[in-house]
C-alpha atoms as a PDB file:
ATOM      1  CA  UNK A   1       4.923   5.300 -27.918  1.00  0.00           C
ATOM      2  CA  UNK A   2       4.594   6.471 -24.317  1.00  0.00           C
ATOM      3  CA  UNK A   3       4.344   3.899 -21.584  1.00  0.00           C
ATOM      4  CA  UNK A   4       1.225   4.495 -19.525  1.00  0.00           C
ATOM      5  CA  UNK A   5       1.830   4.432 -15.794  1.00  0.00           C
ATOM      6  CA  UNK A   6      -0.884   2.683 -13.881  1.00  0.00           C
ATOM      7  CA  UNK A   7      -1.360   2.760 -10.148  1.00  0.00           C
ATOM      8  CA  UNK A   8      -1.371  -0.563  -8.345  1.00  0.00           C
ATOM      9  CA  UNK A   9      -2.096  -1.328  -4.720  1.00  0.00           C
ATOM     10  CA  UNK A  10       0.665  -3.185  -2.917  1.00  0.00           C
ATOM     11  CA  UNK A  11       0.554  -4.381   0.680  1.00  0.00           C
ATOM     12  CA  UNK A  12       3.514  -3.903   3.019  1.00  0.00           C
ATOM     13  CA  UNK A  13       3.089  -5.674   6.366  1.00  0.00           C
ATOM     14  CA  UNK A  14      -0.700  -5.411   6.190  1.00  0.00           C
ATOM     15  CA  UNK A  15      -0.856  -1.756   5.076  1.00  0.00           C
ATOM     16  CA  UNK A  16      -2.035  -0.881   1.570  1.00  0.00           C
ATOM     17  CA  UNK A  17       0.056   1.559  -0.471  1.00  0.00           C
ATOM     18  CA  UNK A  18      -0.646   3.023  -3.917  1.00  0.00           C
ATOM     19  CA  UNK A  19       2.367   2.559  -6.200  1.00  0.00           C
ATOM     20  CA  UNK A  20       2.719   4.234  -9.601  1.00  0.00           C
ATOM     21  CA  UNK A  21       5.993   2.758 -10.882  1.00  0.00           C
ATOM     22  CA  UNK A  22       6.556  -0.557 -12.674  1.00  0.00           C
ATOM     23  CA  UNK A  23       9.225  -1.626 -10.200  1.00  0.00           C
ATOM     24  CA  UNK A  24       9.964  -1.149  -6.537  1.00  0.00           C
ATOM     25  CA  UNK A  25      13.402  -1.291  -4.927  1.00  0.00           C
ATOM     26  CA  UNK A  26      14.474  -2.830  -1.647  1.00  0.00           C
ATOM     27  CA  UNK A  27      14.986   0.666  -0.172  1.00  0.00           C
ATOM     28  CA  UNK A  28      11.543   1.844  -1.316  1.00  0.00           C
ATOM     29  CA  UNK A  29       9.776  -1.156   0.266  1.00  0.00           C
ATOM     30  CA  UNK A  30      11.648  -0.695   3.553  1.00  0.00           C
ATOM     31  CA  UNK A  31      10.917   3.064   3.554  1.00  0.00           C
ATOM     32  CA  UNK A  32       7.177   2.397   3.204  1.00  0.00           C
ATOM     33  CA  UNK A  33       7.262   0.353   6.417  1.00  0.00           C
ATOM     34  CA  UNK A  34      10.013   2.298   8.247  1.00  0.00           C
ATOM     35  CA  UNK A  35       9.964   5.944   7.043  1.00  0.00           C
ATOM     36  CA  UNK A  36      13.157   6.743   8.991  1.00  0.00           C
ATOM     37  CA  UNK A  37      15.009   3.868   7.256  1.00  0.00           C
ATOM     38  CA  UNK A  38      17.519   6.168   5.505  1.00  0.00           C
ATOM     39  CA  UNK A  39      18.758   7.616   8.801  1.00  0.00           C
ATOM     40  CA  UNK A  40      19.662   4.181  10.199  1.00  0.00           C
ATOM     41  CA  UNK A  41      22.240   2.540   7.900  1.00  0.00           C
ATOM     42  CA  UNK A  42      23.326   0.184  10.709  1.00  0.00           C
ATOM     43  CA  UNK A  43      19.990  -1.670  10.633  1.00  0.00           C
ATOM     44  CA  UNK A  44      19.404  -4.288   7.957  1.00  0.00           C
ATOM     45  CA  UNK A  45      16.049  -5.676   6.895  1.00  0.00           C
ATOM     46  CA  UNK A  46      14.723  -8.841   5.379  1.00  0.00           C
ATOM     47  CA  UNK A  47      12.244  -8.136   2.564  1.00  0.00           C
ATOM     48  CA  UNK A  48      10.114 -10.986   1.219  1.00  0.00           C
ATOM     49  CA  UNK A  49       7.344 -10.814  -1.350  1.00  0.00           C
ATOM     50  CA  UNK A  50       4.558 -12.941  -2.762  1.00  0.00           C
ATOM     51  CA  UNK A  51       1.814 -12.631  -5.387  1.00  0.00           C
ATOM     52  CA  UNK A  52       4.449 -11.329  -7.815  1.00  0.00           C
ATOM     53  CA  UNK A  53       4.682 -11.816 -11.578  1.00  0.00           C
ATOM     54  CA  UNK A  54       4.362 -15.260 -13.124  1.00  0.00           C
ATOM     55  CA  UNK A  55       8.036 -16.051 -13.660  1.00  0.00           C
ATOM     56  CA  UNK A  56       8.939 -15.129 -10.049  1.00  0.00           C
ATOM     57  CA  UNK A  57       5.774 -15.078  -7.923  1.00  0.00           C
ATOM     58  CA  UNK A  58       7.642 -15.022  -4.618  1.00  0.00           C
ATOM     59  CA  UNK A  59      11.103 -14.410  -3.320  1.00  0.00           C
ATOM     60  CA  UNK A  60      13.441 -12.252  -1.304  1.00  0.00           C
ATOM     61  CA  UNK A  61      14.397  -8.707  -2.247  1.00  0.00           C
ATOM     62  CA  UNK A  62      18.058  -8.055  -1.427  1.00  0.00           C
ATOM     63  CA  UNK A  63      19.601  -4.647  -0.684  1.00  0.00           C
ATOM     64  CA  UNK A  64      20.188  -2.892  -4.004  1.00  0.00           C
ATOM     65  CA  UNK A  65      17.664  -5.112  -5.775  1.00  0.00           C
ATOM     66  CA  UNK A  66      14.288  -4.372  -7.324  1.00  0.00           C
ATOM     67  CA  UNK A  67      11.255  -6.314  -8.481  1.00  0.00           C
ATOM     68  CA  UNK A  68       8.388  -5.644 -10.908  1.00  0.00           C
ATOM     69  CA  UNK A  69       5.173  -4.868  -9.051  1.00  0.00           C
ATOM     70  CA  UNK A  70       1.637  -5.961  -9.773  1.00  0.00           C
ATOM     71  CA  UNK A  71      -1.767  -5.378  -8.244  1.00  0.00           C
ATOM     72  CA  UNK A  72      -2.166  -7.025  -4.843  1.00  0.00           C
ATOM     73  CA  UNK A  73       1.510  -7.869  -4.382  1.00  0.00           C
ATOM     74  CA  UNK A  74       2.387  -8.506  -0.733  1.00  0.00           C
ATOM     75  CA  UNK A  75       5.644  -7.511   0.951  1.00  0.00           C
ATOM     76  CA  UNK A  76       6.867  -8.413   4.400  1.00  0.00           C
ATOM     77  CA  UNK A  77       9.647  -6.376   6.031  1.00  0.00           C
ATOM     78  CA  UNK A  78      11.424  -7.349   9.228  1.00  0.00           C
ATOM     79  CA  UNK A  79      14.516  -6.070  10.986  1.00  0.00           C
ATOM     80  CA  UNK A  80      17.381  -8.541  10.900  1.00  0.00           C
ATOM     81  CA  UNK A  81      19.606  -6.709  13.368  1.00  0.00           C
ATOM     82  CA  UNK A  82      22.920  -4.913  13.271  1.00  0.00           C
ATOM     83  CA  UNK A  83      25.247  -5.365  10.329  1.00  0.00           C
END
């Protein structure tokens, strides 16, 4: 049985983005807010989310991590400085 991919709208720092996957990674969230993210490995970011799924409605997304997305989920991305 094929899994149907549905598009959800997520919000990253006030900007709406259409997302078609079930999960989003730390790097993908950061890249939505800072498209040149990949070229700057010396900068680290803090990624927080809310309006997530029932068992973990809010939290922090760490580098290398991912989270299931749902309609209207809100992400906040901020630079935390040099590593």
